[in-house]
Amino acid sequence: MFKIDMHIHSVLGKDSIIKPSELVPLARQAGLDAVCVTEHHDYALSQPFDEISRKTGFPILRGLEYKAKEGHLLIYGINMGRGDMLSQMPMQYVIDWVNERNGVAVPAHPFQRDMFGGCLGNRLSGLHHLWAVETLNGSASEAENCQAKRVADQLNTGYVGGSDAHGPVGIGKAYTVFPQPVTTMAELVSALKRKNATTEIRSLLKN
């Protein structure tokens, strides 16, 4: 089994205290086989991780987290920047835009409320053409994650798990388990479209 934390932020996105040089040692310590860095709104922000991955031999994939009108999306397989998509576009529009370009858009922490009390919530069930839903988010509550999985099952989508780490202790708290190694973004997109991944949470005994 191949474990990937699919949702990590670093100082490069200016809302995390995880330094790029810390990521690989911490990921290995957490028992991960790979990570995906998902800085907000701009794929290019995480570019320095390509060299870190090459030097360490540890797979660091790069996606991004996009703020749609109704909530957040994790986007994989699209080198999207701020010039490619205005912020807070309707979520269905963004999902379709990503699908047309052979990427995967995944609703992130859909039942977790933001600082203003809003969340995607049950509107998740009205979305179409989804490959996966983030059903295990390390910063969401157990109830919020359970709600996400319930709707994902209703929609017959795959699952994604990620820590949503903004600090070192969070890395690997939640992750996605693939049956085969996934070391490139092309492999990740293909695996997500096969919808055969599961999610797990790291035991507190390993923290």
N, C-alpha and C. Protein backbone atom coordinates (compact mmCIF):
# COMPACT_ATOMS: atom_id res chain seq x y z
N MET A 1 0.84 -1.20 0.00
CA MET A 1 0.00 0.00 0.00
C MET A 1 0.88 1.26 0.00
N PHE A 2 0.43 2.28 -0.70
CA PHE A 2 1.21 3.49 -0.91
C PHE A 2 0.45 4.67 -0.31
N LYS A 3 1.06 5.33 0.67
CA LYS A 3 0.38 6.37 1.45
C LYS A 3 0.80 7.77 1.01
N ILE A 4 -0.19 8.58 0.64
CA ILE A 4 0.08 9.95 0.22
C ILE A 4 -0.80 10.91 1.01
N ASP A 5 -0.18 11.88 1.65
CA ASP A 5 -0.92 13.00 2.24
C ASP A 5 -1.21 13.96 1.10
N MET A 6 -2.47 14.09 0.74
CA MET A 6 -2.87 14.79 -0.48
C MET A 6 -3.17 16.27 -0.29
N HIS A 7 -2.93 16.81 0.92
CA HIS A 7 -3.36 18.18 1.18
C HIS A 7 -2.44 18.81 2.22
N ILE A 8 -1.37 19.45 1.73
CA ILE A 8 -0.37 20.07 2.62
C ILE A 8 -0.07 21.49 2.13
N HIS A 9 0.11 22.39 3.09
CA HIS A 9 0.49 23.77 2.79
C HIS A 9 1.86 24.08 3.40
N SER A 10 2.57 25.01 2.78
CA SER A 10 3.90 25.40 3.28
C SER A 10 4.00 26.91 3.38
N VAL A 11 5.14 27.39 3.87
CA VAL A 11 5.37 28.83 3.98
C VAL A 11 5.31 29.52 2.62
N LEU A 12 5.50 28.77 1.55
CA LEU A 12 5.47 29.37 0.22
C LEU A 12 4.10 29.94 -0.11
N GLY A 13 3.07 29.40 0.53
CA GLY A 13 1.72 29.91 0.32
C GLY A 13 1.33 30.97 1.32
N LYS A 14 2.23 31.28 2.26
CA LYS A 14 2.07 32.37 3.23
C LYS A 14 0.96 32.16 4.26
N ASP A 15 0.52 30.91 4.44
CA ASP A 15 -0.48 30.66 5.49
C ASP A 15 -0.13 29.40 6.28
N SER A 16 1.14 29.02 6.25
CA SER A 16 1.61 27.82 6.93
C SER A 16 2.99 28.10 7.50
N ILE A 17 3.37 27.32 8.50
CA ILE A 17 4.72 27.48 9.06
C ILE A 17 5.63 26.32 8.67
N ILE A 18 5.18 25.46 7.75
CA ILE A 18 6.01 24.34 7.30
C ILE A 18 7.04 24.85 6.29
N LYS A 19 8.31 24.69 6.61
CA LYS A 19 9.37 25.10 5.70
C LYS A 19 9.61 24.00 4.66
N PRO A 20 9.91 24.38 3.41
CA PRO A 20 10.14 23.36 2.39
C PRO A 20 11.19 22.33 2.79
N SER A 21 12.25 22.77 3.45
CA SER A 21 13.32 21.83 3.84
C SER A 21 12.87 20.83 4.89
N GLU A 22 11.78 21.12 5.61
CA GLU A 22 11.30 20.23 6.66
C GLU A 22 10.38 19.12 6.12
N LEU A 23 9.81 19.34 4.97
CA LEU A 23 8.69 18.48 4.54
C LEU A 23 9.08 17.02 4.39
N VAL A 24 10.15 16.73 3.70
CA VAL A 24 10.51 15.32 3.46
C VAL A 24 10.85 14.59 4.75
N PRO A 25 11.71 15.13 5.62
CA PRO A 25 11.97 14.41 6.88
C PRO A 25 10.71 14.17 7.70
N LEU A 26 9.82 15.15 7.75
CA LEU A 26 8.59 14.99 8.52
C LEU A 26 7.65 13.98 7.88
N ALA A 27 7.61 13.98 6.56
CA ALA A 27 6.76 13.01 5.86
C ALA A 27 7.26 11.58 6.06
N ARG A 28 8.55 11.42 6.01
CA ARG A 28 9.12 10.08 6.25
C ARG A 28 8.88 9.64 7.69
N GLN A 29 9.02 10.57 8.62
CA GLN A 29 8.78 10.26 10.02
C GLN A 29 7.33 9.83 10.24
N ALA A 30 6.42 10.40 9.47
CA ALA A 30 5.00 10.06 9.59
C ALA A 30 4.64 8.78 8.87
N GLY A 31 5.59 8.15 8.19
CA GLY A 31 5.32 6.90 7.51
C GLY A 31 4.69 7.04 6.14
N LEU A 32 4.81 8.24 5.55
CA LEU A 32 4.24 8.48 4.24
C LEU A 32 5.20 8.02 3.14
N ASP A 33 4.63 7.69 1.98
CA ASP A 33 5.42 7.33 0.82
C ASP A 33 5.54 8.47 -0.18
N ALA A 34 4.69 9.47 -0.06
CA ALA A 34 4.69 10.65 -0.93
C ALA A 34 3.79 11.70 -0.30
N VAL A 35 3.89 12.92 -0.80
CA VAL A 35 3.01 14.01 -0.36
C VAL A 35 2.58 14.81 -1.57
N CYS A 36 1.51 15.56 -1.40
CA CYS A 36 1.08 16.51 -2.42
C CYS A 36 0.93 17.88 -1.77
N VAL A 37 1.66 18.84 -2.27
CA VAL A 37 1.60 20.21 -1.76
C VAL A 37 0.52 20.95 -2.54
N THR A 38 -0.39 21.59 -1.81
CA THR A 38 -1.55 22.23 -2.44
C THR A 38 -1.67 23.68 -1.97
N GLU A 39 -0.76 24.52 -2.43
CA GLU A 39 -0.84 25.92 -2.03
C GLU A 39 -2.10 26.56 -2.61
N HIS A 40 -2.52 27.64 -1.99
CA HIS A 40 -3.76 28.28 -2.39
C HIS A 40 -3.62 29.05 -3.69
N HIS A 41 -4.50 28.75 -4.64
CA HIS A 41 -4.77 29.55 -5.83
C HIS A 41 -3.70 29.53 -6.92
N ASP A 42 -2.47 29.11 -6.64
CA ASP A 42 -1.42 29.25 -7.65
C ASP A 42 -0.47 28.06 -7.61
N TYR A 43 -0.52 27.25 -8.65
CA TYR A 43 0.35 26.08 -8.77
C TYR A 43 1.82 26.46 -8.72
N ALA A 44 2.18 27.59 -9.28
CA ALA A 44 3.60 27.97 -9.39
C ALA A 44 4.26 28.20 -8.04
N LEU A 45 3.48 28.50 -7.00
CA LEU A 45 4.07 28.77 -5.69
C LEU A 45 4.89 27.59 -5.17
N SER A 46 4.47 26.38 -5.50
CA SER A 46 5.13 25.19 -4.96
C SER A 46 6.29 24.69 -5.82
N GLN A 47 6.69 25.45 -6.83
CA GLN A 47 7.73 25.00 -7.76
C GLN A 47 9.04 24.58 -7.08
N PRO A 48 9.50 25.25 -6.00
CA PRO A 48 10.75 24.82 -5.36
C PRO A 48 10.74 23.37 -4.87
N PHE A 49 9.57 22.79 -4.68
CA PHE A 49 9.51 21.41 -4.21
C PHE A 49 9.96 20.41 -5.27
N ASP A 50 9.97 20.80 -6.54
CA ASP A 50 10.47 19.90 -7.58
C ASP A 50 11.93 19.55 -7.34
N GLU A 51 12.73 20.55 -7.01
CA GLU A 51 14.16 20.33 -6.76
C GLU A 51 14.37 19.54 -5.47
N ILE A 52 13.58 19.81 -4.45
CA ILE A 52 13.68 19.07 -3.20
C ILE A 52 13.35 17.60 -3.44
N SER A 53 12.33 17.35 -4.22
CA SER A 53 11.96 15.98 -4.53
C SER A 53 13.08 15.27 -5.28
N ARG A 54 13.67 15.97 -6.24
CA ARG A 54 14.75 15.37 -7.03
C ARG A 54 15.95 15.04 -6.15
N LYS A 55 16.32 15.94 -5.26
CA LYS A 55 17.50 15.74 -4.43
C LYS A 55 17.30 14.65 -3.38
N THR A 56 16.10 14.55 -2.86
CA THR A 56 15.84 13.59 -1.77
C THR A 56 15.36 12.24 -2.28
N GLY A 57 14.90 12.20 -3.52
CA GLY A 57 14.33 10.96 -4.04
C GLY A 57 12.96 10.63 -3.46
N PHE A 58 12.33 11.63 -2.83
CA PHE A 58 11.01 11.43 -2.21
C PHE A 58 9.97 12.10 -3.09
N PRO A 59 8.92 11.39 -3.48
CA PRO A 59 7.92 11.98 -4.37
C PRO A 59 7.15 13.12 -3.71
N ILE A 60 7.28 14.32 -4.27
CA ILE A 60 6.47 15.47 -3.87
C ILE A 60 5.68 15.91 -5.09
N LEU A 61 4.38 15.66 -5.05
CA LEU A 61 3.51 16.07 -6.13
C LEU A 61 2.97 17.46 -5.83
N ARG A 62 2.50 18.14 -6.87
CA ARG A 62 2.05 19.52 -6.69
C ARG A 62 0.67 19.72 -7.29
N GLY A 63 -0.26 20.14 -6.44
CA GLY A 63 -1.58 20.54 -6.90
C GLY A 63 -1.83 21.96 -6.42
N LEU A 64 -3.08 22.30 -6.16
CA LEU A 64 -3.39 23.58 -5.55
C LEU A 64 -4.77 23.50 -4.91
N GLU A 65 -5.05 24.44 -4.04
CA GLU A 65 -6.36 24.55 -3.43
C GLU A 65 -7.00 25.85 -3.93
N TYR A 66 -8.18 25.70 -4.49
CA TYR A 66 -8.88 26.83 -5.11
C TYR A 66 -10.13 27.16 -4.30
N LYS A 67 -10.35 28.43 -4.06
CA LYS A 67 -11.55 28.87 -3.37
C LYS A 67 -12.64 29.21 -4.38
N ALA A 68 -13.62 28.32 -4.47
CA ALA A 68 -14.77 28.55 -5.33
C ALA A 68 -15.83 29.36 -4.57
N LYS A 69 -16.90 29.67 -5.24
CA LYS A 69 -17.97 30.46 -4.63
C LYS A 69 -18.55 29.76 -3.40
N GLU A 70 -18.70 28.43 -3.49
CA GLU A 70 -19.38 27.70 -2.43
C GLU A 70 -18.44 27.02 -1.44
N GLY A 71 -17.15 26.99 -1.74
CA GLY A 71 -16.22 26.28 -0.87
C GLY A 71 -14.89 26.05 -1.58
N HIS A 72 -14.11 25.09 -1.09
CA HIS A 72 -12.77 24.88 -1.63
C HIS A 72 -12.69 23.61 -2.46
N LEU A 73 -11.80 23.65 -3.45
CA LEU A 73 -11.50 22.50 -4.30
C LEU A 73 -10.01 22.22 -4.28
N LEU A 74 -9.64 20.96 -4.14
CA LEU A 74 -8.28 20.53 -4.40
C LEU A 74 -8.20 20.17 -5.88
N ILE A 75 -7.22 20.73 -6.57
CA ILE A 75 -7.11 20.52 -8.01
C ILE A 75 -5.79 19.83 -8.31
N TYR A 76 -5.90 18.72 -9.01
CA TYR A 76 -4.73 17.90 -9.35
C TYR A 76 -4.62 17.77 -10.87
N GLY A 77 -3.40 17.88 -11.39
CA GLY A 77 -3.16 17.64 -12.81
C GLY A 77 -3.30 18.85 -13.70
N ILE A 78 -3.54 20.02 -13.11
CA ILE A 78 -3.66 21.26 -13.88
C ILE A 78 -2.70 22.29 -13.30
N ASN A 79 -1.83 22.81 -14.14
CA ASN A 79 -0.87 23.82 -13.69
C ASN A 79 -1.54 25.20 -13.71
N MET A 80 -2.48 25.36 -12.82
CA MET A 80 -3.36 26.53 -12.84
C MET A 80 -2.80 27.66 -11.99
N GLY A 81 -2.85 28.86 -12.52
CA GLY A 81 -2.42 30.05 -11.78
C GLY A 81 -3.55 31.04 -11.64
N ARG A 82 -3.26 32.13 -10.97
CA ARG A 82 -4.30 33.15 -10.75
C ARG A 82 -4.83 33.73 -12.06
N GLY A 83 -4.02 33.71 -13.09
CA GLY A 83 -4.47 34.24 -14.38
C GLY A 83 -5.36 33.30 -15.16
N ASP A 84 -5.45 32.06 -14.74
CA ASP A 84 -6.26 31.08 -15.46
C ASP A 84 -7.71 31.02 -14.99
N MET A 85 -7.95 31.42 -13.75
CA MET A 85 -9.29 31.32 -13.19
C MET A 85 -9.48 32.40 -12.12
N LEU A 86 -10.49 33.22 -12.27
CA LEU A 86 -10.81 34.18 -11.23
C LEU A 86 -11.20 33.43 -9.95
N SER A 87 -10.95 34.04 -8.80
CA SER A 87 -11.33 33.40 -7.56
C SER A 87 -12.85 33.43 -7.39
N GLN A 88 -13.35 32.47 -6.61
CA GLN A 88 -14.75 32.38 -6.24
C GLN A 88 -15.70 32.24 -7.44
N MET A 89 -15.27 31.48 -8.42
CA MET A 89 -16.17 31.10 -9.49
C MET A 89 -17.07 29.97 -8.98
N PRO A 90 -18.23 29.75 -9.60
CA PRO A 90 -19.09 28.65 -9.17
C PRO A 90 -18.36 27.31 -9.22
N MET A 91 -18.55 26.51 -8.21
CA MET A 91 -17.79 25.26 -8.09
C MET A 91 -18.02 24.33 -9.28
N GLN A 92 -19.26 24.19 -9.72
CA GLN A 92 -19.52 23.30 -10.85
C GLN A 92 -18.78 23.76 -12.10
N TYR A 93 -18.73 25.06 -12.31
CA TYR A 93 -17.99 25.60 -13.46
C TYR A 93 -16.52 25.19 -13.39
N VAL A 94 -15.92 25.31 -12.21
CA VAL A 94 -14.50 24.98 -12.06
C VAL A 94 -14.27 23.48 -12.25
N ILE A 95 -15.16 22.65 -11.68
CA ILE A 95 -15.04 21.20 -11.84
C ILE A 95 -15.06 20.83 -13.32
N ASP A 96 -16.00 21.40 -14.06
CA ASP A 96 -16.11 21.09 -15.49
C ASP A 96 -14.88 21.60 -16.25
N TRP A 97 -14.39 22.78 -15.87
CA TRP A 97 -13.20 23.36 -16.52
C TRP A 97 -12.00 22.44 -16.32
N VAL A 98 -11.83 21.93 -15.11
CA VAL A 98 -10.71 21.04 -14.81
C VAL A 98 -10.88 19.71 -15.55
N ASN A 99 -12.08 19.17 -15.55
CA ASN A 99 -12.32 17.90 -16.25
C ASN A 99 -12.01 18.00 -17.74
N GLU A 100 -12.37 19.12 -18.33
CA GLU A 100 -12.12 19.33 -19.76
C GLU A 100 -10.63 19.31 -20.08
N ARG A 101 -9.81 19.61 -19.08
CA ARG A 101 -8.36 19.65 -19.25
C ARG A 101 -7.68 18.42 -18.65
N ASN A 102 -8.48 17.40 -18.41
CA ASN A 102 -8.00 16.09 -17.96
C ASN A 102 -7.39 16.11 -16.56
N GLY A 103 -7.81 17.06 -15.74
CA GLY A 103 -7.41 17.07 -14.35
C GLY A 103 -8.51 16.51 -13.47
N VAL A 104 -8.33 16.63 -12.16
CA VAL A 104 -9.31 16.17 -11.19
C VAL A 104 -9.53 17.27 -10.16
N ALA A 105 -10.78 17.64 -9.93
CA ALA A 105 -11.14 18.64 -8.93
C ALA A 105 -11.90 17.95 -7.81
N VAL A 106 -11.44 18.13 -6.59
CA VAL A 106 -11.97 17.40 -5.44
C VAL A 106 -12.48 18.38 -4.39
N PRO A 107 -13.77 18.37 -4.08
CA PRO A 107 -14.25 19.22 -2.98
C PRO A 107 -13.50 18.92 -1.68
N ALA A 108 -12.95 19.97 -1.07
CA ALA A 108 -12.14 19.82 0.14
C ALA A 108 -12.96 20.16 1.38
N HIS A 109 -12.77 19.37 2.43
CA HIS A 109 -13.46 19.56 3.72
C HIS A 109 -14.87 20.15 3.53
N PRO A 110 -15.74 19.46 2.78
CA PRO A 110 -17.01 20.06 2.37
C PRO A 110 -17.97 20.40 3.50
N PHE A 111 -17.82 19.76 4.66
CA PHE A 111 -18.74 20.04 5.76
C PHE A 111 -18.08 20.82 6.91
N GLN A 112 -16.87 21.28 6.68
CA GLN A 112 -16.18 22.08 7.70
C GLN A 112 -16.49 23.55 7.48
N ARG A 113 -16.96 24.22 8.52
CA ARG A 113 -17.32 25.63 8.39
C ARG A 113 -16.08 26.52 8.42
N ASP A 114 -16.11 27.57 7.61
CA ASP A 114 -15.00 28.51 7.61
C ASP A 114 -15.19 29.54 8.72
N MET A 115 -14.32 30.53 8.76
CA MET A 115 -14.36 31.52 9.84
C MET A 115 -15.62 32.37 9.82
N PHE A 116 -16.33 32.34 8.69
CA PHE A 116 -17.56 33.11 8.59
C PHE A 116 -18.80 32.23 8.78
N GLY A 117 -18.57 30.95 9.10
CA GLY A 117 -19.67 30.05 9.35
C GLY A 117 -20.22 29.36 8.13
N GLY A 118 -19.61 29.58 6.97
CA GLY A 118 -20.11 28.97 5.74
C GLY A 118 -19.38 27.68 5.39
N CYS A 119 -20.03 26.83 4.63
CA CYS A 119 -19.40 25.62 4.10
C CYS A 119 -20.21 25.12 2.92
N LEU A 120 -19.63 24.26 2.12
CA LEU A 120 -20.33 23.67 0.98
C LEU A 120 -21.53 22.88 1.45
N GLY A 121 -21.34 22.04 2.46
CA GLY A 121 -22.43 21.30 3.07
C GLY A 121 -23.17 20.41 2.09
N ASN A 122 -24.47 20.34 2.24
CA ASN A 122 -25.27 19.42 1.43
C ASN A 122 -25.36 19.81 -0.03
N ARG A 123 -24.85 20.98 -0.37
CA ARG A 123 -24.78 21.34 -1.79
C ARG A 123 -23.83 20.41 -2.53
N LEU A 124 -22.97 19.72 -1.79
CA LEU A 124 -22.09 18.72 -2.39
C LEU A 124 -22.88 17.70 -3.20
N SER A 125 -24.02 17.30 -2.69
CA SER A 125 -24.81 16.26 -3.37
C SER A 125 -25.38 16.74 -4.70
N GLY A 126 -25.37 18.04 -4.94
CA GLY A 126 -25.88 18.56 -6.20
C GLY A 126 -24.82 18.76 -7.27
N LEU A 127 -23.56 18.44 -6.94
CA LEU A 127 -22.48 18.59 -7.91
C LEU A 127 -22.42 17.37 -8.83
N HIS A 128 -21.95 17.59 -10.04
CA HIS A 128 -21.88 16.53 -11.05
C HIS A 128 -20.45 16.36 -11.54
N HIS A 129 -20.18 15.18 -12.12
CA HIS A 129 -18.91 14.88 -12.79
C HIS A 129 -17.72 14.92 -11.83
N LEU A 130 -17.95 14.49 -10.61
CA LEU A 130 -16.87 14.41 -9.63
C LEU A 130 -16.21 13.05 -9.68
N TRP A 131 -14.89 13.05 -9.61
CA TRP A 131 -14.13 11.81 -9.50
C TRP A 131 -13.94 11.41 -8.04
N ALA A 132 -13.81 12.39 -7.16
CA ALA A 132 -13.51 12.09 -5.76
C ALA A 132 -13.96 13.24 -4.87
N VAL A 133 -14.08 12.93 -3.58
CA VAL A 133 -14.39 13.91 -2.54
C VAL A 133 -13.37 13.72 -1.42
N GLU A 134 -12.93 14.81 -0.81
CA GLU A 134 -12.06 14.69 0.35
C GLU A 134 -12.93 14.25 1.54
N THR A 135 -12.85 12.98 1.84
CA THR A 135 -13.69 12.39 2.89
C THR A 135 -12.97 12.28 4.22
N LEU A 136 -11.67 12.56 4.22
CA LEU A 136 -10.91 12.56 5.47
C LEU A 136 -9.94 13.73 5.44
N ASN A 137 -10.25 14.74 6.25
CA ASN A 137 -9.42 15.94 6.35
C ASN A 137 -8.92 16.05 7.78
N GLY A 138 -7.62 16.20 7.93
CA GLY A 138 -7.03 16.18 9.26
C GLY A 138 -7.42 17.32 10.15
N SER A 139 -7.97 18.40 9.59
CA SER A 139 -8.38 19.54 10.41
C SER A 139 -9.90 19.55 10.65
N ALA A 140 -10.62 18.65 10.01
CA ALA A 140 -12.07 18.58 10.18
C ALA A 140 -12.42 17.62 11.32
N SER A 141 -13.62 17.75 11.85
CA SER A 141 -14.05 16.87 12.92
C SER A 141 -14.46 15.51 12.36
N GLU A 142 -14.58 14.55 13.26
CA GLU A 142 -15.02 13.21 12.84
C GLU A 142 -16.41 13.28 12.20
N ALA A 143 -17.29 14.07 12.78
CA ALA A 143 -18.64 14.19 12.24
C ALA A 143 -18.62 14.81 10.85
N GLU A 144 -17.79 15.83 10.66
CA GLU A 144 -17.70 16.49 9.35
C GLU A 144 -17.15 15.54 8.31
N ASN A 145 -16.15 14.75 8.67
CA ASN A 145 -15.61 13.77 7.74
C ASN A 145 -16.62 12.68 7.42
N CYS A 146 -17.37 12.26 8.40
CA CYS A 146 -18.39 11.22 8.18
C CYS A 146 -19.47 11.72 7.23
N GLN A 147 -19.85 12.98 7.37
CA GLN A 147 -20.84 13.55 6.46
C GLN A 147 -20.31 13.57 5.03
N ALA A 148 -19.05 13.93 4.87
CA ALA A 148 -18.44 13.97 3.55
C ALA A 148 -18.43 12.58 2.91
N LYS A 149 -18.08 11.56 3.70
CA LYS A 149 -18.04 10.20 3.16
C LYS A 149 -19.44 9.72 2.80
N ARG A 150 -20.43 10.07 3.61
CA ARG A 150 -21.79 9.65 3.32
C ARG A 150 -22.25 10.19 1.96
N VAL A 151 -21.97 11.46 1.69
CA VAL A 151 -22.39 12.03 0.41
C VAL A 151 -21.54 11.48 -0.73
N ALA A 152 -20.25 11.26 -0.49
CA ALA A 152 -19.40 10.66 -1.52
C ALA A 152 -19.94 9.29 -1.92
N ASP A 153 -20.38 8.51 -0.95
CA ASP A 153 -20.95 7.20 -1.25
C ASP A 153 -22.24 7.34 -2.05
N GLN A 154 -23.05 8.33 -1.73
CA GLN A 154 -24.27 8.56 -2.49
C GLN A 154 -23.97 8.94 -3.94
N LEU A 155 -22.89 9.71 -4.12
CA LEU A 155 -22.49 10.15 -5.45
C LEU A 155 -21.65 9.11 -6.20
N ASN A 156 -21.25 8.06 -5.48
CA ASN A 156 -20.41 7.00 -6.05
C ASN A 156 -19.07 7.55 -6.56
N THR A 157 -18.47 8.42 -5.76
CA THR A 157 -17.15 8.95 -6.10
C THR A 157 -16.06 8.19 -5.35
N GLY A 158 -14.82 8.49 -5.70
CA GLY A 158 -13.70 7.99 -4.94
C GLY A 158 -13.45 8.84 -3.71
N TYR A 159 -12.43 8.46 -2.94
CA TYR A 159 -12.10 9.14 -1.69
C TYR A 159 -10.70 9.75 -1.77
N VAL A 160 -10.55 10.88 -1.08
CA VAL A 160 -9.23 11.50 -0.89
C VAL A 160 -9.08 11.81 0.59
N GLY A 161 -7.89 11.57 1.12
CA GLY A 161 -7.57 11.92 2.49
C GLY A 161 -6.32 12.77 2.53
N GLY A 162 -6.36 13.80 3.34
CA GLY A 162 -5.19 14.67 3.49
C GLY A 162 -5.23 15.39 4.82
N SER A 163 -4.06 15.76 5.30
CA SER A 163 -3.96 16.37 6.63
C SER A 163 -4.45 17.81 6.66
N ASP A 164 -4.34 18.51 5.52
CA ASP A 164 -4.57 19.96 5.49
C ASP A 164 -3.60 20.63 6.46
N ALA A 165 -2.39 20.09 6.51
CA ALA A 165 -1.40 20.56 7.48
C ALA A 165 -0.94 21.98 7.15
N HIS A 166 -0.91 22.82 8.19
CA HIS A 166 -0.32 24.15 8.12
C HIS A 166 0.82 24.27 9.13
N GLY A 167 1.12 23.18 9.80
CA GLY A 167 2.22 23.11 10.76
C GLY A 167 2.82 21.72 10.75
N PRO A 168 4.07 21.58 11.20
CA PRO A 168 4.77 20.29 11.11
C PRO A 168 4.04 19.13 11.76
N VAL A 169 3.39 19.33 12.90
CA VAL A 169 2.79 18.20 13.61
C VAL A 169 1.61 17.62 12.86
N GLY A 170 1.05 18.36 11.92
CA GLY A 170 -0.11 17.86 11.20
C GLY A 170 0.20 16.94 10.05
N ILE A 171 1.43 16.96 9.56
CA ILE A 171 1.78 16.21 8.36
C ILE A 171 1.52 14.72 8.57
N GLY A 172 0.76 14.13 7.65
CA GLY A 172 0.47 12.71 7.72
C GLY A 172 -0.63 12.34 8.68
N LYS A 173 -1.29 13.32 9.28
CA LYS A 173 -2.38 13.00 10.20
C LYS A 173 -3.49 12.24 9.49
N ALA A 174 -3.76 12.63 8.25
CA ALA A 174 -4.71 11.92 7.40
C ALA A 174 -4.06 11.75 6.03
N TYR A 175 -4.41 10.67 5.34
CA TYR A 175 -3.75 10.41 4.06
C TYR A 175 -4.61 9.48 3.21
N THR A 176 -4.21 9.35 1.95
CA THR A 176 -4.88 8.48 1.00
C THR A 176 -4.01 7.25 0.77
N VAL A 177 -4.64 6.09 0.69
CA VAL A 177 -3.91 4.83 0.49
C VAL A 177 -4.24 4.30 -0.90
N PHE A 178 -3.21 4.14 -1.71
CA PHE A 178 -3.36 3.60 -3.06
C PHE A 178 -2.80 2.17 -3.10
N PRO A 179 -3.39 1.29 -3.91
CA PRO A 179 -2.90 -0.09 -3.96
C PRO A 179 -1.55 -0.24 -4.64
N GLN A 180 -1.17 0.74 -5.47
CA GLN A 180 0.10 0.71 -6.19
C GLN A 180 0.83 2.03 -6.00
N PRO A 181 2.17 2.04 -6.16
CA PRO A 181 2.91 3.30 -6.04
C PRO A 181 2.39 4.37 -7.00
N VAL A 182 2.34 5.60 -6.51
CA VAL A 182 1.91 6.76 -7.30
C VAL A 182 2.98 7.82 -7.10
N THR A 183 3.81 8.02 -8.10
CA THR A 183 4.96 8.91 -7.94
C THR A 183 4.98 10.09 -8.89
N THR A 184 4.02 10.16 -9.80
CA THR A 184 3.91 11.30 -10.71
C THR A 184 2.48 11.82 -10.70
N MET A 185 2.29 13.05 -11.14
CA MET A 185 0.94 13.61 -11.17
C MET A 185 0.07 12.86 -12.17
N ALA A 186 0.65 12.42 -13.29
CA ALA A 186 -0.13 11.64 -14.25
C ALA A 186 -0.65 10.35 -13.62
N GLU A 187 0.20 9.70 -12.84
CA GLU A 187 -0.22 8.48 -12.15
C GLU A 187 -1.29 8.79 -11.11
N LEU A 188 -1.16 9.93 -10.43
CA LEU A 188 -2.14 10.30 -9.42
C LEU A 188 -3.51 10.56 -10.05
N VAL A 189 -3.55 11.31 -11.12
CA VAL A 189 -4.82 11.59 -11.79
C VAL A 189 -5.46 10.30 -12.27
N SER A 190 -4.65 9.43 -12.86
CA SER A 190 -5.17 8.14 -13.33
C SER A 190 -5.73 7.32 -12.18
N ALA A 191 -5.02 7.30 -11.04
CA ALA A 191 -5.46 6.52 -9.89
C ALA A 191 -6.76 7.08 -9.32
N LEU A 192 -6.87 8.40 -9.25
CA LEU A 192 -8.10 9.01 -8.73
C LEU A 192 -9.29 8.70 -9.64
N LYS A 193 -9.05 8.63 -10.92
CA LYS A 193 -10.15 8.33 -11.85
C LYS A 193 -10.55 6.86 -11.79
N ARG A 194 -9.68 6.01 -11.29
CA ARG A 194 -10.06 4.60 -11.09
C ARG A 194 -10.87 4.41 -9.82
N LYS A 195 -10.83 5.40 -8.93
CA LYS A 195 -11.66 5.44 -7.72
C LYS A 195 -11.46 4.21 -6.82
N ASN A 196 -10.21 3.76 -6.70
CA ASN A 196 -9.97 2.59 -5.85
C ASN A 196 -9.05 2.88 -4.68
N ALA A 197 -8.97 4.16 -4.28
CA ALA A 197 -8.16 4.52 -3.12
C ALA A 197 -9.01 4.51 -1.86
N THR A 198 -8.37 4.35 -0.72
CA THR A 198 -9.04 4.45 0.57
C THR A 198 -8.35 5.54 1.38
N THR A 199 -8.93 5.89 2.53
CA THR A 199 -8.33 6.92 3.38
C THR A 199 -8.10 6.36 4.77
N GLU A 200 -7.08 6.89 5.41
CA GLU A 200 -6.75 6.48 6.77
C GLU A 200 -6.30 7.71 7.57
N ILE A 201 -6.34 7.56 8.88
CA ILE A 201 -5.83 8.60 9.77
C ILE A 201 -4.73 7.99 10.62
N ARG A 202 -3.66 8.74 10.82
CA ARG A 202 -2.51 8.24 11.57
C ARG A 202 -2.86 8.09 13.04
N SER A 203 -2.43 7.01 13.61
CA SER A 203 -2.67 6.76 15.03
C SER A 203 -2.03 7.85 15.88
N LEU A 204 -2.74 8.29 16.89
CA LEU A 204 -2.20 9.31 17.79
C LEU A 204 -0.93 8.82 18.48
N LEU A 205 -0.75 7.51 18.56
CA LEU A 205 0.44 6.96 19.20
C LEU A 205 1.70 7.27 18.40
N LYS A 206 1.53 7.62 17.12
CA LYS A 206 2.68 7.91 16.29
C LYS A 206 2.97 9.39 16.20
N ASN A 207 2.14 10.22 16.79
CA ASN A 207 2.36 11.67 16.72
C ASN A 207 3.58 12.10 17.53
